[in-house]
N, C-alpha and C. Protein backbone atom coordinates (compact mmCIF):
# COMPACT_ATOMS: atom_id res chain seq x y z
N MET A 1 124.13 146.02 111.60
CA MET A 1 123.29 147.15 111.24
C MET A 1 121.88 146.69 110.90
N LYS A 2 121.76 145.55 110.21
CA LYS A 2 120.43 145.06 109.85
C LYS A 2 119.64 144.68 111.09
N LEU A 3 120.33 144.14 112.10
CA LEU A 3 119.65 143.76 113.32
C LEU A 3 119.09 144.99 114.04
N ALA A 4 119.83 146.09 114.00
CA ALA A 4 119.35 147.32 114.63
C ALA A 4 118.12 147.87 113.92
N LEU A 5 118.02 147.63 112.62
CA LEU A 5 116.84 148.08 111.89
C LEU A 5 115.64 147.18 112.13
N LYS A 6 115.86 145.91 112.42
CA LYS A 6 114.77 144.96 112.62
C LYS A 6 114.28 144.91 114.06
N ALA A 7 115.09 145.38 115.02
CA ALA A 7 114.72 145.28 116.43
C ALA A 7 113.43 146.03 116.76
N PRO A 8 113.23 147.28 116.33
CA PRO A 8 111.95 147.95 116.65
C PRO A 8 110.74 147.25 116.04
N GLN A 9 110.90 146.68 114.86
CA GLN A 9 109.80 145.95 114.26
C GLN A 9 109.46 144.72 115.08
N GLY A 10 110.50 144.06 115.59
CA GLY A 10 110.28 142.88 116.43
C GLY A 10 109.62 143.23 117.75
N VAL A 11 110.03 144.35 118.35
CA VAL A 11 109.42 144.79 119.60
C VAL A 11 107.96 145.17 119.37
N LEU A 12 107.69 145.85 118.27
CA LEU A 12 106.31 146.22 117.95
C LEU A 12 105.45 144.97 117.75
N CYS A 13 105.93 144.03 116.96
CA CYS A 13 105.16 142.81 116.71
C CYS A 13 104.96 141.99 117.97
N ALA A 14 106.02 141.86 118.77
CA ALA A 14 105.91 141.10 120.02
C ALA A 14 104.94 141.77 120.98
N GLY A 15 104.99 143.10 121.07
CA GLY A 15 104.07 143.82 121.94
C GLY A 15 102.63 143.67 121.51
N VAL A 16 102.38 143.78 120.21
CA VAL A 16 101.01 143.64 119.70
C VAL A 16 100.49 142.22 119.93
N ILE A 17 101.32 141.23 119.63
CA ILE A 17 100.88 139.84 119.81
C ILE A 17 100.63 139.53 121.27
N LEU A 18 101.52 139.95 122.15
CA LEU A 18 101.34 139.70 123.57
C LEU A 18 100.10 140.43 124.11
N TYR A 19 99.89 141.64 123.66
CA TYR A 19 98.72 142.42 124.09
C TYR A 19 97.43 141.73 123.67
N VAL A 20 97.38 141.30 122.43
CA VAL A 20 96.16 140.65 121.92
C VAL A 20 95.94 139.30 122.59
N VAL A 21 97.01 138.52 122.76
CA VAL A 21 96.88 137.20 123.37
C VAL A 21 96.45 137.32 124.83
N CYS A 22 97.03 138.27 125.55
CA CYS A 22 96.66 138.45 126.97
C CYS A 22 95.20 138.80 127.14
N LEU A 23 94.69 139.65 126.29
CA LEU A 23 93.33 140.14 126.48
C LEU A 23 92.27 139.36 125.72
N TRP A 24 92.66 138.58 124.73
CA TRP A 24 91.66 137.93 123.89
C TRP A 24 90.86 136.89 124.66
N GLY A 25 91.52 136.08 125.45
CA GLY A 25 90.80 135.05 126.19
C GLY A 25 90.13 135.58 127.44
N ASP A 26 90.60 136.70 127.95
CA ASP A 26 90.07 137.23 129.20
C ASP A 26 88.91 138.19 129.02
N CYS A 27 88.70 138.69 127.84
CA CYS A 27 87.58 139.59 127.57
C CYS A 27 86.37 138.74 127.21
N PRO A 28 85.31 138.79 128.01
CA PRO A 28 84.17 137.90 127.77
C PRO A 28 83.34 138.27 126.54
N GLN A 29 83.29 139.54 126.19
CA GLN A 29 82.44 139.96 125.09
C GLN A 29 83.27 140.46 123.92
N LEU A 30 82.68 140.38 122.76
CA LEU A 30 83.37 140.85 121.55
C LEU A 30 83.57 142.36 121.59
N THR A 31 82.68 143.09 122.23
CA THR A 31 82.84 144.54 122.31
C THR A 31 84.07 144.92 123.14
N ASP A 32 84.37 144.14 124.17
CA ASP A 32 85.58 144.39 124.96
C ASP A 32 86.83 144.16 124.13
N LYS A 33 86.82 143.11 123.34
CA LYS A 33 87.97 142.82 122.48
C LYS A 33 88.17 143.93 121.45
N GLY A 34 87.07 144.40 120.88
CA GLY A 34 87.14 145.50 119.93
C GLY A 34 87.62 146.79 120.56
N TYR A 35 87.22 147.04 121.79
CA TYR A 35 87.65 148.24 122.51
C TYR A 35 89.17 148.24 122.68
N PHE A 36 89.72 147.14 123.16
CA PHE A 36 91.16 147.09 123.40
C PHE A 36 91.96 147.08 122.10
N LEU A 37 91.42 146.48 121.06
CA LEU A 37 92.08 146.53 119.76
C LEU A 37 92.06 147.95 119.19
N ALA A 38 90.95 148.65 119.36
CA ALA A 38 90.86 150.04 118.88
C ALA A 38 91.81 150.95 119.64
N VAL A 39 91.97 150.75 120.94
CA VAL A 39 92.90 151.56 121.72
C VAL A 39 94.33 151.30 121.27
N LEU A 40 94.66 150.05 120.97
CA LEU A 40 95.99 149.72 120.46
C LEU A 40 96.26 150.38 119.11
N VAL A 41 95.31 150.29 118.21
CA VAL A 41 95.46 150.90 116.88
C VAL A 41 95.56 152.43 117.00
N LEU A 42 94.76 153.03 117.87
CA LEU A 42 94.81 154.47 118.08
C LEU A 42 96.18 154.90 118.59
N GLY A 43 96.74 154.17 119.53
CA GLY A 43 98.04 154.51 120.06
C GLY A 43 99.16 154.36 119.04
N VAL A 44 99.18 153.24 118.32
CA VAL A 44 100.23 153.02 117.31
C VAL A 44 100.13 154.06 116.19
N PHE A 45 98.91 154.36 115.74
CA PHE A 45 98.73 155.35 114.68
C PHE A 45 99.21 156.72 115.13
N THR A 46 98.90 157.09 116.36
CA THR A 46 99.32 158.39 116.87
C THR A 46 100.83 158.49 116.96
N VAL A 47 101.48 157.44 117.44
CA VAL A 47 102.94 157.45 117.56
C VAL A 47 103.59 157.55 116.18
N LEU A 48 103.10 156.77 115.23
CA LEU A 48 103.68 156.82 113.88
C LEU A 48 103.43 158.16 113.20
N THR A 49 102.27 158.74 113.40
CA THR A 49 101.97 160.06 112.83
C THR A 49 102.85 161.13 113.44
N TYR A 50 103.03 161.09 114.75
CA TYR A 50 103.88 162.05 115.43
C TYR A 50 105.33 161.93 114.97
N GLN A 51 105.77 160.71 114.75
CA GLN A 51 107.14 160.49 114.29
C GLN A 51 107.35 161.07 112.89
N ARG A 52 106.41 160.92 112.01
CA ARG A 52 106.53 161.46 110.65
C ARG A 52 106.50 162.98 110.66
N LEU A 53 105.85 163.55 111.65
CA LEU A 53 105.70 164.99 111.75
C LEU A 53 106.92 165.67 112.35
N SER A 54 107.78 164.90 113.03
CA SER A 54 108.86 165.50 113.82
C SER A 54 109.83 166.33 112.98
N GLY A 55 109.91 166.11 111.68
CA GLY A 55 110.82 166.89 110.85
C GLY A 55 110.31 168.28 110.51
N LYS A 56 109.03 168.49 110.59
CA LYS A 56 108.44 169.77 110.25
C LYS A 56 108.47 170.68 111.46
N GLU A 57 108.65 171.97 111.22
CA GLU A 57 108.83 172.88 112.36
C GLU A 57 107.57 173.67 112.69
N LYS A 58 107.31 174.70 111.95
CA LYS A 58 106.27 175.65 112.36
C LYS A 58 104.85 175.14 112.10
N GLU A 59 104.60 174.56 110.94
CA GLU A 59 103.23 174.21 110.60
C GLU A 59 102.69 173.04 111.41
N GLY A 60 103.58 172.25 111.98
CA GLY A 60 103.10 171.07 112.68
C GLY A 60 103.06 171.19 114.19
N GLU A 61 103.25 172.38 114.72
CA GLU A 61 103.30 172.53 116.18
C GLU A 61 101.94 172.23 116.84
N ARG A 62 100.87 172.72 116.25
CA ARG A 62 99.54 172.43 116.80
C ARG A 62 99.17 170.97 116.61
N PHE A 63 99.55 170.41 115.47
CA PHE A 63 99.25 169.01 115.21
C PHE A 63 100.05 168.10 116.13
N ALA A 64 101.29 168.48 116.44
CA ALA A 64 102.09 167.70 117.37
C ALA A 64 101.46 167.70 118.76
N GLY A 65 100.93 168.83 119.17
CA GLY A 65 100.22 168.90 120.45
C GLY A 65 98.98 168.03 120.46
N LEU A 66 98.28 167.99 119.34
CA LEU A 66 97.11 167.13 119.22
C LEU A 66 97.50 165.66 119.29
N CYS A 67 98.62 165.30 118.65
CA CYS A 67 99.11 163.92 118.71
C CYS A 67 99.45 163.52 120.14
N ARG A 68 100.09 164.42 120.87
CA ARG A 68 100.41 164.13 122.27
C ARG A 68 99.15 163.94 123.10
N PHE A 69 98.14 164.76 122.86
CA PHE A 69 96.88 164.64 123.59
C PHE A 69 96.18 163.32 123.28
N VAL A 70 96.16 162.94 122.01
CA VAL A 70 95.49 161.69 121.62
C VAL A 70 96.22 160.49 122.21
N LEU A 71 97.56 160.55 122.24
CA LEU A 71 98.31 159.45 122.84
C LEU A 71 98.05 159.37 124.34
N LEU A 72 97.96 160.49 125.01
CA LEU A 72 97.63 160.51 126.43
C LEU A 72 96.22 159.97 126.66
N LEU A 73 95.29 160.33 125.80
CA LEU A 73 93.92 159.83 125.89
C LEU A 73 93.88 158.32 125.67
N ALA A 74 94.60 157.82 124.68
CA ALA A 74 94.63 156.38 124.41
C ALA A 74 95.24 155.62 125.59
N THR A 75 96.28 156.19 126.19
CA THR A 75 96.90 155.55 127.36
C THR A 75 95.91 155.50 128.52
N GLY A 76 95.20 156.58 128.75
CA GLY A 76 94.20 156.60 129.81
C GLY A 76 93.07 155.62 129.56
N LEU A 77 92.60 155.54 128.33
CA LEU A 77 91.53 154.58 128.00
C LEU A 77 91.99 153.15 128.22
N MET A 78 93.23 152.86 127.83
CA MET A 78 93.75 151.51 128.02
C MET A 78 93.87 151.19 129.51
N LEU A 79 94.40 152.10 130.30
CA LEU A 79 94.58 151.85 131.72
C LEU A 79 93.25 151.68 132.45
N VAL A 80 92.28 152.52 132.14
CA VAL A 80 90.96 152.40 132.78
C VAL A 80 90.28 151.11 132.35
N GLY A 81 90.39 150.74 131.09
CA GLY A 81 89.78 149.51 130.61
C GLY A 81 90.38 148.27 131.26
N ILE A 82 91.70 148.24 131.38
CA ILE A 82 92.34 147.09 132.00
C ILE A 82 92.07 147.06 133.51
N TRP A 83 92.00 148.22 134.12
CA TRP A 83 91.72 148.28 135.55
C TRP A 83 90.35 147.67 135.86
N ASN A 84 89.39 147.85 134.97
CA ASN A 84 88.02 147.36 135.21
C ASN A 84 87.81 145.92 134.77
N LEU A 85 88.78 145.27 134.15
CA LEU A 85 88.64 143.87 133.78
C LEU A 85 88.88 142.97 134.99
N PRO A 86 88.16 141.87 135.06
CA PRO A 86 88.39 140.95 136.18
C PRO A 86 89.60 140.04 135.91
N LEU A 87 90.79 140.60 135.98
CA LEU A 87 92.03 139.87 135.73
C LEU A 87 92.88 139.85 136.99
N SER A 88 93.83 138.93 137.03
CA SER A 88 94.79 138.96 138.13
C SER A 88 95.74 140.13 137.91
N LEU A 89 96.45 140.48 138.96
CA LEU A 89 97.35 141.63 138.89
C LEU A 89 98.48 141.39 137.89
N THR A 90 98.96 140.16 137.79
CA THR A 90 100.04 139.87 136.83
C THR A 90 99.55 139.98 135.39
N GLU A 91 98.33 139.54 135.13
CA GLU A 91 97.78 139.66 133.78
C GLU A 91 97.56 141.12 133.40
N LYS A 92 97.10 141.91 134.35
CA LYS A 92 96.93 143.34 134.09
C LYS A 92 98.27 144.00 133.80
N GLY A 93 99.27 143.68 134.62
CA GLY A 93 100.61 144.24 134.42
C GLY A 93 101.22 143.82 133.10
N LEU A 94 101.03 142.57 132.73
CA LEU A 94 101.57 142.07 131.46
C LEU A 94 100.90 142.75 130.27
N SER A 95 99.61 142.99 130.38
CA SER A 95 98.89 143.66 129.29
C SER A 95 99.36 145.11 129.13
N VAL A 96 99.55 145.80 130.25
CA VAL A 96 100.04 147.18 130.20
C VAL A 96 101.46 147.22 129.64
N LEU A 97 102.30 146.28 130.09
CA LEU A 97 103.68 146.21 129.59
C LEU A 97 103.70 145.93 128.09
N ALA A 98 102.83 145.05 127.61
CA ALA A 98 102.77 144.75 126.18
C ALA A 98 102.32 145.97 125.38
N TRP A 99 101.39 146.75 125.92
CA TRP A 99 100.92 147.95 125.22
C TRP A 99 102.05 148.96 125.09
N PHE A 100 102.79 149.18 126.19
CA PHE A 100 103.89 150.12 126.14
C PHE A 100 105.04 149.62 125.27
N ALA A 101 105.24 148.30 125.20
CA ALA A 101 106.25 147.75 124.29
C ALA A 101 105.86 148.01 122.84
N ALA A 102 104.57 147.88 122.54
CA ALA A 102 104.11 148.17 121.18
C ALA A 102 104.30 149.65 120.85
N MET A 103 104.04 150.53 121.80
CA MET A 103 104.24 151.97 121.56
C MET A 103 105.72 152.28 121.39
N TYR A 104 106.58 151.64 122.17
CA TYR A 104 108.02 151.87 122.05
C TYR A 104 108.53 151.38 120.69
N GLY A 105 108.08 150.21 120.27
CA GLY A 105 108.48 149.69 118.96
C GLY A 105 108.02 150.58 117.82
N ALA A 106 106.81 151.12 117.94
CA ALA A 106 106.30 152.03 116.90
C ALA A 106 107.09 153.34 116.90
N ALA A 107 107.51 153.80 118.08
CA ALA A 107 108.24 155.07 118.15
C ALA A 107 109.65 154.93 117.60
N ARG A 108 110.25 153.76 117.72
CA ARG A 108 111.63 153.55 117.25
C ARG A 108 111.71 153.07 115.81
N TRP A 109 110.59 152.79 115.20
CA TRP A 109 110.57 152.28 113.82
C TRP A 109 110.87 153.45 112.88
N ARG A 110 111.89 153.32 112.07
CA ARG A 110 112.25 154.37 111.11
C ARG A 110 111.84 153.98 109.73
C-alpha cells in the first residue's frame, strides 16, 4: 500500500528531473530555460488545482473549465517551444514524454 502511495510522487519527480535535464543543456539562453520551467510549473499547478477542485460540484464548474483551458494552453506552449528548439527528434520526444510523465504524476498524487 505504501508503494502505491509513493509511485505518483516518484513519477512526478522523475518526469520533472528528466524534463529539466533534457532541456537545460540544450537551451542556449537563460530565457529559454525559464520559459520551459514556467510551462512545467504552470502545467503541474493547473493539474493539482483541478484535482483539488474535483470534489466540488456546482460552484467549481466554470473554474474547472478554466483549468482545462490553461492546461491545454500550457501543453500547446510546451509543444511549440520544443518544436522550435534545434534538437534531435529523440531529444524532442524524450522532453515531451518527460513533461507528460510529470503531468501524470501530478494528476495521480493524492
